[in-house]
C-alpha atoms as a PDB file:
ATOM      1  CA  MET A   1      38.985 -22.583  -1.765  1.00  0.00           C
ATOM      2  CA  LYS A   2      36.294 -22.080  -4.395  1.00  0.00           C
ATOM      3  CA  LYS A   3      35.323 -25.280  -6.169  1.00  0.00           C
ATOM      4  CA  ASP A   4      35.649 -25.641  -9.939  1.00  0.00           C
ATOM      5  CA  LEU A   5      32.874 -28.201 -10.367  1.00  0.00           C
ATOM      6  CA  TYR A   6      29.666 -28.902  -8.493  1.00  0.00           C
ATOM      7  CA  THR A   7      27.410 -31.938  -8.471  1.00  0.00           C
ATOM      8  CA  VAL A   8      23.824 -31.320  -9.518  1.00  0.00           C
ATOM      9  CA  SER A   9      22.740 -31.265  -5.863  1.00  0.00           C
ATOM     10  CA  GLU A  10      25.476 -28.808  -4.903  1.00  0.00           C
ATOM     11  CA  PHE A  11      24.775 -26.566  -7.895  1.00  0.00           C
ATOM     12  CA  ALA A  12      21.023 -26.609  -7.157  1.00  0.00           C
ATOM     13  CA  GLN A  13      21.753 -25.461  -3.604  1.00  0.00           C
ATOM     14  CA  LEU A  14      24.110 -22.742  -4.888  1.00  0.00           C
ATOM     15  CA  CYS A  15      21.401 -21.450  -7.259  1.00  0.00           C
ATOM     16  CA  GLY A  16      18.566 -21.744  -4.756  1.00  0.00           C
ATOM     17  CA  THR A  17      16.666 -24.166  -6.967  1.00  0.00           C
ATOM     18  CA  THR A  18      15.993 -27.919  -7.236  1.00  0.00           C
ATOM     19  CA  LYS A  19      17.701 -30.814  -8.966  1.00  0.00           C
ATOM     20  CA  ASP A  20      14.551 -31.381 -11.025  1.00  0.00           C
ATOM     21  CA  THR A  21      14.719 -27.799 -12.363  1.00  0.00           C
ATOM     22  CA  LEU A  22      18.339 -28.234 -13.461  1.00  0.00           C
ATOM     23  CA  ILE A  23      17.576 -31.585 -15.073  1.00  0.00           C
ATOM     24  CA  HIS A  24      14.608 -29.980 -16.880  1.00  0.00           C
ATOM     25  CA  TYR A  25      16.849 -27.155 -18.171  1.00  0.00           C
ATOM     26  CA  ASP A  26      19.329 -29.780 -19.375  1.00  0.00           C
ATOM     27  CA  GLU A  27      16.610 -31.724 -21.199  1.00  0.00           C
ATOM     28  CA  LYS A  28      15.405 -28.483 -22.835  1.00  0.00           C
ATOM     29  CA  GLY A  29      18.941 -27.826 -24.060  1.00  0.00           C
ATOM     30  CA  LEU A  30      19.166 -24.601 -22.077  1.00  0.00           C
ATOM     31  CA  LEU A  31      21.705 -25.313 -19.354  1.00  0.00           C
ATOM     32  CA  LYS A  32      23.738 -28.424 -19.969  1.00  0.00           C
ATOM     33  CA  PRO A  33      26.300 -29.585 -17.399  1.00  0.00           C
ATOM     34  CA  ALA A  34      29.860 -28.460 -17.984  1.00  0.00           C
ATOM     35  CA  VAL A  35      30.962 -32.066 -17.590  1.00  0.00           C
ATOM     36  CA  THR A  36      29.140 -35.406 -17.652  1.00  0.00           C
ATOM     37  CA  GLY A  37      31.189 -38.143 -16.038  1.00  0.00           C
ATOM     38  CA  GLU A  38      31.522 -41.722 -17.200  1.00  0.00           C
ATOM     39  CA  ASN A  39      29.097 -42.601 -14.445  1.00  0.00           C
ATOM     40  CA  LYS A  40      26.577 -40.197 -16.115  1.00  0.00           C
ATOM     41  CA  TYR A  41      26.801 -37.795 -13.173  1.00  0.00           C
ATOM     42  CA  ARG A  42      26.299 -34.126 -14.061  1.00  0.00           C
ATOM     43  CA  TYR A  43      28.858 -31.524 -12.968  1.00  0.00           C
ATOM     44  CA  TYR A  44      28.369 -27.756 -13.294  1.00  0.00           C
ATOM     45  CA  SER A  45      30.980 -25.000 -13.240  1.00  0.00           C
ATOM     46  CA  SER A  46      30.723 -21.899 -11.048  1.00  0.00           C
ATOM     47  CA  ARG A  47      30.530 -19.719 -14.178  1.00  0.00           C
ATOM     48  CA  GLN A  48      27.236 -21.382 -15.107  1.00  0.00           C
ATOM     49  CA  TYR A  49      25.602 -19.786 -12.056  1.00  0.00           C
ATOM     50  CA  TYR A  50      25.321 -16.525 -13.989  1.00  0.00           C
ATOM     51  CA  PHE A  51      23.692 -18.239 -16.949  1.00  0.00           C
ATOM     52  CA  PHE A  52      21.217 -19.850 -14.564  1.00  0.00           C
ATOM     53  CA  ARG A  53      20.364 -16.365 -13.203  1.00  0.00           C
ATOM     54  CA  LEU A  54      19.855 -15.142 -16.785  1.00  0.00           C
ATOM     55  CA  ILE A  55      17.370 -17.952 -17.465  1.00  0.00           C
ATOM     56  CA  LYS A  56      15.485 -17.326 -14.204  1.00  0.00           C
ATOM     57  CA  SER A  57      15.359 -13.573 -14.772  1.00  0.00           C
ATOM     58  CA  LEU A  58      14.000 -13.995 -18.287  1.00  0.00           C
ATOM     59  CA  GLN A  59      11.449 -16.489 -16.966  1.00  0.00           C
ATOM     60  CA  GLU A  60      10.352 -14.036 -14.271  1.00  0.00           C
ATOM     61  CA  ALA A  61      10.089 -11.342 -16.938  1.00  0.00           C
ATOM     62  CA  GLY A  62       7.530 -13.516 -18.733  1.00  0.00           C
ATOM     63  CA  PHE A  63       9.471 -15.503 -21.327  1.00  0.00           C
ATOM     64  CA  SER A  64       8.839 -19.234 -21.729  1.00  0.00           C
ATOM     65  CA  LEU A  65      11.780 -21.652 -21.731  1.00  0.00           C
ATOM     66  CA  ASP A  66      11.348 -22.211 -25.477  1.00  0.00           C
ATOM     67  CA  GLU A  67      11.449 -18.443 -26.053  1.00  0.00           C
ATOM     68  CA  ILE A  68      14.559 -18.111 -23.882  1.00  0.00           C
ATOM     69  CA  LYS A  69      16.306 -20.847 -25.848  1.00  0.00           C
ATOM     70  CA  GLU A  70      15.403 -19.094 -29.085  1.00  0.00           C
ATOM     71  CA  LYS A  71      16.664 -15.699 -27.828  1.00  0.00           C
ATOM     72  CA  VAL A  72      19.940 -17.148 -26.526  1.00  0.00           C
ATOM     73  CA  ASN A  73      20.609 -19.035 -29.758  1.00  0.00           C
ATOM     74  CA  SER A  74      19.689 -16.185 -32.111  1.00  0.00           C
ATOM     75  CA  ARG A  75      21.772 -13.555 -30.256  1.00  0.00           C
ATOM     76  CA  ASP A  76      19.692 -10.820 -31.932  1.00  0.00           C
ATOM     77  CA  ARG A  77      20.332  -8.017 -29.459  1.00  0.00           C
ATOM     78  CA  GLN A  78      17.960  -5.452 -30.969  1.00  0.00           C
ATOM     79  CA  VAL A  79      14.985  -7.804 -30.940  1.00  0.00           C
ATOM     80  CA  LEU A  80      15.784  -8.924 -27.403  1.00  0.00           C
ATOM     81  CA  ALA A  81      16.152  -5.332 -26.191  1.00  0.00           C
ATOM     82  CA  LYS A  82      12.753  -4.406 -27.684  1.00  0.00           C
ATOM     83  CA  GLU A  83      11.035  -7.420 -26.124  1.00  0.00           C
ATOM     84  CA  LEU A  84      12.734  -6.796 -22.776  1.00  0.00           C
ATOM     85  CA  SER A  85      11.422  -3.216 -22.798  1.00  0.00           C
ATOM     86  CA  GLU A  86       7.891  -4.545 -23.258  1.00  0.00           C
ATOM     87  CA  LYS A  87       8.392  -7.064 -20.457  1.00  0.00           C
ATOM     88  CA  LYS A  88       9.755  -4.290 -18.248  1.00  0.00           C
ATOM     89  CA  GLU A  89       6.547  -2.289 -18.707  1.00  0.00           C
ATOM     90  CA  ASN A  90       4.516  -5.331 -17.663  1.00  0.00           C
ATOM     91  CA  LEU A  91       6.750  -5.867 -14.625  1.00  0.00           C
ATOM     92  CA  GLU A  92       6.348  -2.232 -13.577  1.00  0.00           C
ATOM     93  CA  LYS A  93       2.576  -2.601 -13.841  1.00  0.00           C
ATOM     94  CA  ARG A  94       2.709  -5.768 -11.739  1.00  0.00           C
ATOM     95  CA  LEU A  95       4.917  -3.983  -9.197  1.00  0.00           C
ATOM     96  CA  LYS A  96       2.376  -1.146  -8.929  1.00  0.00           C
ATOM     97  CA  GLU A  97      -0.397  -3.688  -8.374  1.00  0.00           C
ATOM     98  CA  ILE A  98       1.679  -5.378  -5.674  1.00  0.00           C
ATOM     99  CA  GLU A  99       2.337  -2.028  -3.959  1.00  0.00           C
ATOM    100  CA  ASP A 100      -1.406  -1.276  -4.023  1.00  0.00           C
ATOM    101  CA  THR A 101      -2.122  -4.705  -2.578  1.00  0.00           C
ATOM    102  CA  ILE A 102       0.425  -4.169   0.206  1.00  0.00           C
ATOM    103  CA  LEU A 103      -1.272  -0.904   1.183  1.00  0.00           C
ATOM    104  CA  PHE A 104      -4.654  -2.640   1.082  1.00  0.00           C
ATOM    105  CA  VAL A 105      -3.348  -5.486   3.263  1.00  0.00           C
ATOM    106  CA  GLU A 106      -1.828  -2.978   5.707  1.00  0.00           C
ATOM    107  CA  ASP A 107      -5.261  -1.400   6.080  1.00  0.00           C
ATOM    108  CA  MET A 108      -6.776  -4.838   6.653  1.00  0.00           C
ATOM    109  CA  ILE A 109      -4.163  -5.647   9.311  1.00  0.00           C
ATOM    110  CA  LEU A 110      -4.988  -2.379  11.027  1.00  0.00           C
ATOM    111  CA  SER A 111      -8.691  -3.240  10.835  1.00  0.00           C
ATOM    112  CA  ILE A 112      -8.436  -6.880  11.890  1.00  0.00           C
ATOM    113  CA  SER A 113      -6.015  -7.119  14.784  1.00  0.00           C
ATOM    114  CA  GLU A 114      -5.397 -10.103  17.018  1.00  0.00           C
ATOM    115  CA  ASN A 115      -6.878  -8.217  19.939  1.00  0.00           C
ATOM    116  CA  GLU A 116     -10.268  -6.561  19.746  1.00  0.00           C
ATOM    117  CA  PRO A 117      -9.789  -2.769  19.859  1.00  0.00           C
ATOM    118  CA  ASN A 118     -10.786  -1.169  23.165  1.00  0.00           C
ATOM    119  CA  CYS A 119     -13.476   1.200  21.943  1.00  0.00           C
ATOM    120  CA  GLY A 120     -13.566   4.392  23.967  1.00  0.00           C
ATOM    121  CA  GLU A 121      -9.963   4.131  25.208  1.00  0.00           C
ATOM    122  CA  ILE A 122      -6.809   5.863  23.991  1.00  0.00           C
ATOM    123  CA  GLU A 123      -4.127   3.563  22.565  1.00  0.00           C
ATOM    124  CA  ILE A 124      -0.639   4.822  21.719  1.00  0.00           C
ATOM    125  CA  LYS A 125       1.032   3.503  18.578  1.00  0.00           C
ATOM    126  CA  HIS A 126       4.265   4.420  16.830  1.00  0.00           C
ATOM    127  CA  LEU A 127       3.936   5.140  13.099  1.00  0.00           C
ATOM    128  CA  ASN A 128       6.692   5.504  10.539  1.00  0.00           C
ATOM    129  CA  GLU A 129       6.706   8.352   8.030  1.00  0.00           C
ATOM    130  CA  GLU A 130       3.905   7.909   5.502  1.00  0.00           C
ATOM    131  CA  TYR A 131       3.002   9.657   2.256  1.00  0.00           C
ATOM    132  CA  LEU A 132      -0.510  10.949   1.653  1.00  0.00           C
ATOM    133  CA  ILE A 133      -2.248  12.286  -1.434  1.00  0.00           C
ATOM    134  CA  THR A 134      -4.773  14.862  -0.280  1.00  0.00           C
ATOM    135  CA  THR A 135      -7.667  16.762  -1.822  1.00  0.00           C
ATOM    136  CA  LYS A 136      -9.101  19.879  -0.208  1.00  0.00           C
ATOM    137  CA  ALA A 137     -12.522  18.930   1.095  1.00  0.00           C
ATOM    138  CA  ASN A 138     -14.013  22.122   2.538  1.00  0.00           C
ATOM    139  CA  CYS A 139     -13.275  24.690  -0.154  1.00  0.00           C
ATOM    140  CA  PHE A 140     -15.080  27.999   0.456  1.00  0.00           C
ATOM    141  CA  ASP A 141     -16.373  28.648  -3.027  1.00  0.00           C
ATOM    142  CA  ASP A 142     -19.544  28.226  -5.077  1.00  0.00           C
ATOM    143  CA  LYS A 143     -18.771  24.591  -5.848  1.00  0.00           C
ATOM    144  CA  TYR A 144     -18.020  23.337  -2.335  1.00  0.00           C
ATOM    145  CA  LEU A 145     -20.261  25.112   0.130  1.00  0.00           C
ATOM    146  CA  VAL A 146     -19.345  24.416   3.731  1.00  0.00           C
ATOM    147  CA  PRO A 147     -22.240  24.850   6.183  1.00  0.00           C
ATOM    148  CA  ASP A 148     -22.330  28.097   8.137  1.00  0.00           C
ATOM    149  CA  GLU A 149     -21.572  28.275  11.849  1.00  0.00           C
ATOM    150  CA  SER A 150     -25.128  27.354  12.822  1.00  0.00           C
ATOM    151  CA  TYR A 151     -24.533  23.901  11.334  1.00  0.00           C
ATOM    152  CA  TYR A 152     -22.045  23.152  14.099  1.00  0.00           C
ATOM    153  CA  LYS A 153     -24.058  24.801  16.896  1.00  0.00           C
ATOM    154  CA  ASP A 154     -26.997  22.417  16.784  1.00  0.00           C
ATOM    155  CA  PRO A 155     -27.577  21.739  20.514  1.00  0.00           C
ATOM    156  CA  ASN A 156     -28.939  18.275  19.786  1.00  0.00           C
ATOM    157  CA  LYS A 157     -26.110  16.911  17.663  1.00  0.00           C
ATOM    158  CA  ASN A 158     -22.394  17.421  17.131  1.00  0.00           C
ATOM    159  CA  LYS A 159     -22.505  17.120  13.370  1.00  0.00           C
ATOM    160  CA  TYR A 160     -19.781  15.928  11.054  1.00  0.00           C
ATOM    161  CA  TYR A 161     -19.407  17.344   7.567  1.00  0.00           C
ATOM    162  CA  CYS A 162     -17.575  16.128   4.488  1.00  0.00           C
ATOM    163  CA  ASN A 163     -18.349  17.211   0.949  1.00  0.00           C
ATOM    164  CA  TRP A 164     -18.767  13.891  -0.836  1.00  0.00           C
ATOM    165  CA  GLU A 165     -18.402  15.434  -4.280  1.00  0.00           C
ATOM    166  CA  VAL A 166     -14.736  15.826  -3.425  1.00  0.00           C
ATOM    167  CA  THR A 167     -14.406  12.058  -3.045  1.00  0.00           C
ATOM    168  CA  SER A 168     -14.988  11.319  -6.719  1.00  0.00           C
ATOM    169  CA  GLU A 169     -12.561  14.070  -7.767  1.00  0.00           C
ATOM    170  CA  HIS A 170      -9.984  12.758  -5.303  1.00  0.00           C
ATOM    171  CA  VAL A 171     -10.290   9.173  -6.550  1.00  0.00           C
ATOM    172  CA  ASN A 172     -10.177  10.283 -10.191  1.00  0.00           C
ATOM    173  CA  TYR A 173      -6.986  12.214  -9.485  1.00  0.00           C
ATOM    174  CA  MET A 174      -5.409   9.171  -7.819  1.00  0.00           C
ATOM    175  CA  PHE A 175      -6.411   7.018 -10.794  1.00  0.00           C
ATOM    176  CA  GLU A 176      -5.181   9.478 -13.441  1.00  0.00           C
ATOM    177  CA  LYS A 177      -1.835   9.870 -11.673  1.00  0.00           C
ATOM    178  CA  GLY A 178      -1.390   6.109 -11.494  1.00  0.00           C
ATOM    179  CA  TYR A 179      -1.450   5.891  -7.692  1.00  0.00           C
ATOM    180  CA  ILE A 180      -4.252   3.350  -7.941  1.00  0.00           C
ATOM    181  CA  ASN A 181      -4.997   0.943 -10.786  1.00  0.00           C
ATOM    182  CA  ARG A 182      -8.768   0.949 -10.510  1.00  0.00           C
ATOM    183  CA  PRO A 183     -11.226   3.846 -10.154  1.00  0.00           C
ATOM    184  CA  PHE A 184     -12.435   2.685  -6.736  1.00  0.00           C
ATOM    185  CA  VAL A 185     -10.857   3.195  -3.361  1.00  0.00           C
ATOM    186  CA  PHE A 186     -11.897   3.993   0.180  1.00  0.00           C
ATOM    187  CA  CYS A 187     -10.988   7.538   1.248  1.00  0.00           C
ATOM    188  CA  ASN A 188     -10.188   8.855   4.703  1.00  0.00           C
ATOM    189  CA  ASP A 189     -10.403  12.305   6.275  1.00  0.00           C
ATOM    190  CA  MET A 190      -8.050  14.838   7.870  1.00  0.00           C
ATOM    191  CA  ILE A 191      -9.447  17.549  10.144  1.00  0.00           C
ATOM    192  CA  ASP A 192      -7.504  20.723  10.867  1.00  0.00           C
ATOM    193  CA  CYS A 193      -6.586  20.879  14.574  1.00  0.00           C
ATOM    194  CA  GLU A 194      -7.929  24.431  15.029  1.00  0.00           C
ATOM    195  CA  ASP A 195     -11.307  23.448  13.593  1.00  0.00           C
ATOM    196  CA  PHE A 196     -11.343  20.275  15.673  1.00  0.00           C
ATOM    197  CA  ASN A 197     -10.530  22.122  18.917  1.00  0.00           C
ATOM    198  CA  ASN A 198     -13.386  24.545  18.146  1.00  0.00           C
ATOM    199  CA  ASP A 199     -15.846  21.656  17.702  1.00  0.00           C
ATOM    200  CA  LYS A 200     -15.996  22.307  13.978  1.00  0.00           C
ATOM    201  CA  PHE A 201     -15.900  18.700  12.823  1.00  0.00           C
ATOM    202  CA  CYS A 202     -15.448  19.319   9.131  1.00  0.00           C
ATOM    203  CA  SER A 203     -13.201  17.274   6.858  1.00  0.00           C
ATOM    204  CA  THR A 204     -10.342  19.502   5.708  1.00  0.00           C
ATOM    205  CA  TYR A 205      -8.833  16.961   3.303  1.00  0.00           C
ATOM    206  CA  ARG A 206      -9.794  13.642   1.793  1.00  0.00           C
ATOM    207  CA  TYR A 207      -6.702  11.462   1.639  1.00  0.00           C
ATOM    208  CA  ASN A 208      -5.145   8.116   0.793  1.00  0.00           C
ATOM    209  CA  LYS A 209      -1.722   6.646   1.480  1.00  0.00           C
ATOM    210  CA  ILE A 210       0.676   5.942  -1.365  1.00  0.00           C
ATOM    211  CA  ALA A 211       3.676   3.612  -1.327  1.00  0.00           C
ATOM    212  CA  SER A 212       6.488   6.115  -1.886  1.00  0.00           C
ATOM    213  CA  LYS A 213       7.285   9.822  -1.856  1.00  0.00           C
ATOM    214  CA  GLN A 214       6.288  11.615  -5.066  1.00  0.00           C
ATOM    215  CA  LYS A 215       6.722  15.100  -6.489  1.00  0.00           C
ATOM    216  CA  ASP A 216       3.083  16.046  -6.329  1.00  0.00           C
ATOM    217  CA  PRO A 217       1.441  19.300  -5.158  1.00  0.00           C
ATOM    218  CA  CYS A 218      -1.159  17.177  -3.364  1.00  0.00           C
ATOM    219  CA  LEU A 219       1.437  15.263  -1.325  1.00  0.00           C
ATOM    220  CA  LYS A 220       1.506  15.623   2.439  1.00  0.00           C
ATOM    221  CA  ILE A 221       3.868  13.744   4.724  1.00  0.00           C
ATOM    222  CA  ARG A 222       2.526  12.181   7.898  1.00  0.00           C
ATOM    223  CA  LYS A 223       5.480  12.485  10.247  1.00  0.00           C
ATOM    224  CA  LYS A 224       7.093   9.607  12.075  1.00  0.00           C
ATOM    225  CA  GLY A 225       6.158   9.557  15.742  1.00  0.00           C
ATOM    226  CA  ASP A 226       3.781   8.431  18.472  1.00  0.00           C
ATOM    227  CA  TYR A 227       0.071   8.710  17.757  1.00  0.00           C
ATOM    228  CA  ALA A 228      -2.948   8.474  20.046  1.00  0.00           C
ATOM    229  CA  PHE A 229      -5.625   6.171  18.584  1.00  0.00           C
ATOM    230  CA  MET A 230      -9.251   5.655  19.513  1.00  0.00           C
ATOM    231  CA  TYR A 231     -11.524   3.090  17.825  1.00  0.00           C
ATOM    232  CA  PHE A 232     -15.246   3.488  17.316  1.00  0.00           C
ATOM    233  CA  GLU A 233     -18.123   1.215  16.385  1.00  0.00           C
ATOM    234  CA  ASP A 234     -21.043   3.541  15.856  1.00  0.00           C
ATOM    235  CA  ALA A 235     -23.536   4.857  13.348  1.00  0.00           C
ATOM    236  CA  TRP A 236     -22.285   7.100  10.559  1.00  0.00           C
ATOM    237  CA  SER A 237     -24.642   9.833  11.766  1.00  0.00           C
ATOM    238  CA  ASN A 238     -22.769   9.846  15.091  1.00  0.00           C
ATOM    239  CA  VAL A 239     -19.276  10.522  13.726  1.00  0.00           C
ATOM    240  CA  GLY A 240     -19.531  14.110  14.970  1.00  0.00           C
ATOM    241  CA  ASP A 241     -20.325  12.861  18.470  1.00  0.00           C
ATOM    242  CA  CYS A 242     -17.352  10.506  18.239  1.00  0.00           C
ATOM    243  CA  CYS A 243     -15.116  13.444  17.313  1.00  0.00           C
ATOM    244  CA  LYS A 244     -16.192  15.205  20.496  1.00  0.00           C
ATOM    245  CA  ARG A 245     -15.663  12.040  22.552  1.00  0.00           C
ATOM    246  CA  PHE A 246     -12.163  11.695  21.101  1.00  0.00           C
ATOM    247  CA  LYS A 247     -11.406  15.327  21.977  1.00  0.00           C
ATOM    248  CA  GLU A 248     -12.709  14.916  25.540  1.00  0.00           C
ATOM    249  CA  THR A 249     -10.906  11.601  26.079  1.00  0.00           C
ATOM    250  CA  MET A 250      -7.649  13.082  24.802  1.00  0.00           C
ATOM    251  CA  ALA A 251      -7.991  16.008  27.234  1.00  0.00           C
ATOM    252  CA  ALA A 252      -8.788  13.669  30.136  1.00  0.00           C
ATOM    253  CA  SER A 253      -5.651  11.668  29.256  1.00  0.00           C
ATOM    254  CA  GLY A 254      -3.512  14.809  29.323  1.00  0.00           C
ATOM    255  CA  TYR A 255      -2.997  15.147  25.569  1.00  0.00           C
ATOM    256  CA  GLU A 256      -3.417  18.309  23.494  1.00  0.00           C
ATOM    257  CA  ILE A 257      -4.482  18.175  19.876  1.00  0.00           C
ATOM    258  CA  LYS A 258      -1.823  20.131  17.975  1.00  0.00           C
ATOM    259  CA  ASP A 259      -1.842  18.330  14.635  1.00  0.00           C
ATOM    260  CA  TYR A 260      -4.361  17.039  12.127  1.00  0.00           C
ATOM    261  CA  VAL A 261      -6.910  14.566  13.418  1.00  0.00           C
ATOM    262  CA  TYR A 262      -7.147  11.600  11.045  1.00  0.00           C
ATOM    263  CA  VAL A 263     -10.421   9.740  10.581  1.00  0.00           C
ATOM    264  CA  ASP A 264      -9.836   6.363   8.928  1.00  0.00           C
ATOM    265  CA  TYR A 265     -12.772   4.205   7.926  1.00  0.00           C
ATOM    266  CA  LEU A 266     -11.795   0.621   8.583  1.00  0.00           C
ATOM    267  CA  PHE A 267     -11.847  -2.045   5.922  1.00  0.00           C
ATOM    268  CA  LEU A 268     -14.613  -4.209   7.359  1.00  0.00           C
ATOM    269  CA  GLY A 269     -16.613  -1.137   8.271  1.00  0.00           C
ATOM    270  CA  ASN A 270     -16.501   0.037   4.657  1.00  0.00           C
ATOM    271  CA  VAL A 271     -17.285  -3.327   3.121  1.00  0.00           C
ATOM    272  CA  MET A 272     -20.063  -4.236   5.528  1.00  0.00           C
ATOM    273  CA  ASN A 273     -21.154  -0.721   6.380  1.00  0.00           C
ATOM    274  CA  THR A 274     -24.772   0.126   7.117  1.00  0.00           C
ATOM    275  CA  PRO A 275     -26.362   3.456   8.102  1.00  0.00           C
ATOM    276  CA  GLU A 276     -26.549   2.127  11.665  1.00  0.00           C
ATOM    277  CA  HIS A 277     -22.987   0.798  11.857  1.00  0.00           C
ATOM    278  CA  CYS A 278     -19.631   2.299  10.913  1.00  0.00           C
ATOM    279  CA  ASP A 279     -16.195   1.078  12.046  1.00  0.00           C
ATOM    280  CA  PHE A 280     -13.550   3.775  12.111  1.00  0.00           C
ATOM    281  CA  MET A 281     -10.670   5.142  14.134  1.00  0.00           C
ATOM    282  CA  MET A 282      -9.415   8.603  14.991  1.00  0.00           C
ATOM    283  CA  TYR A 283      -5.826   9.439  15.757  1.00  0.00           C
ATOM    284  CA  THR A 284      -3.423  12.341  16.010  1.00  0.00           C
ATOM    285  CA  ARG A 285       0.300  12.781  16.583  1.00  0.00           C
ATOM    286  CA  ILE A 286       1.383  13.369  20.187  1.00  0.00           C
ATOM    287  CA  GLY A 287       5.141  13.090  19.860  1.00  0.00           C
END
C-alpha cells in the first residue's frame, strides 16, 4: 500500500536526490516537510514529490532557488510564462549544442577505436539509418568546372578531384540553417558509383551528418545496412590511388560497388593533417 508519509531519507530516494538537498530546500523555505515530529524528524507527503519536480525543472531551466521561491510566492502566471519561454529558447540552444557534440564525439569514436584499423583490408560494419546534408560538388557550369576526361587518364596518377569552393558554401548553408552552431566543420565526400567504377574519382557531394531527419531539399538518407569499410593512412595527393585500391580490394573480396562511395576524413587526420599524411576511410553499402 502506498505510504502517506516518508522520512527525509525515504523521500530523497523517491525523488532521486540527497538528504542534504531536501534540507537545503527546507532552509530556503522552498519545500518544507509536511510534518515535523516532536523528535524534530522531517516527514514528507507523496504529493510533495510533484512540487520537488517543479523546483528541479525550474532549476534545470536556469532559475536560481531564490528566483524559484519568488515565482512560486508571487503566482504571477504571465510573468512566469514569459520567463519560461526565454528559458526554453536557451534550453533548445543547449540541446542543439549537445546534439552537435554527440555527432562530433561519434566521429571521434570512429576515428579512435580500441583496435588499430587494419589499413588495406575490408572490414564489414552495420550502420543505422543516418541523415546527411549534401551540397553538389561537381556542378558542370561556369562556376564549378570539373576537369575534362584527360584529368582522370593521367597514366602516372589516379587523381582525386573535389571543388573546394563548394566546401565554404556547404558549411555556410549548414550554419545558416542551424545544423551547426559555428561556421567551421569538417566535410566529407560522396562519389557516385558509376563515376567510381569508371575510375572517375570526383566528389559528387560534400556532406555532413545531422542529428535528425529534416525537411530540406539537401537531405539525403544513408540507408541502414551492412557497409564495407577500408581505412587509409596516406598522403592527401594519393587519395585517388586509394580510391582505386578500395575498388580493387572490393572486387577481390567479391563485392560490387552499387551505391555511393563515402570518403570520410577522420578526426585526428583533420586536426593533425599534413600534406604528407591524411587519415581517412572509404566505405559503401553492400547489403
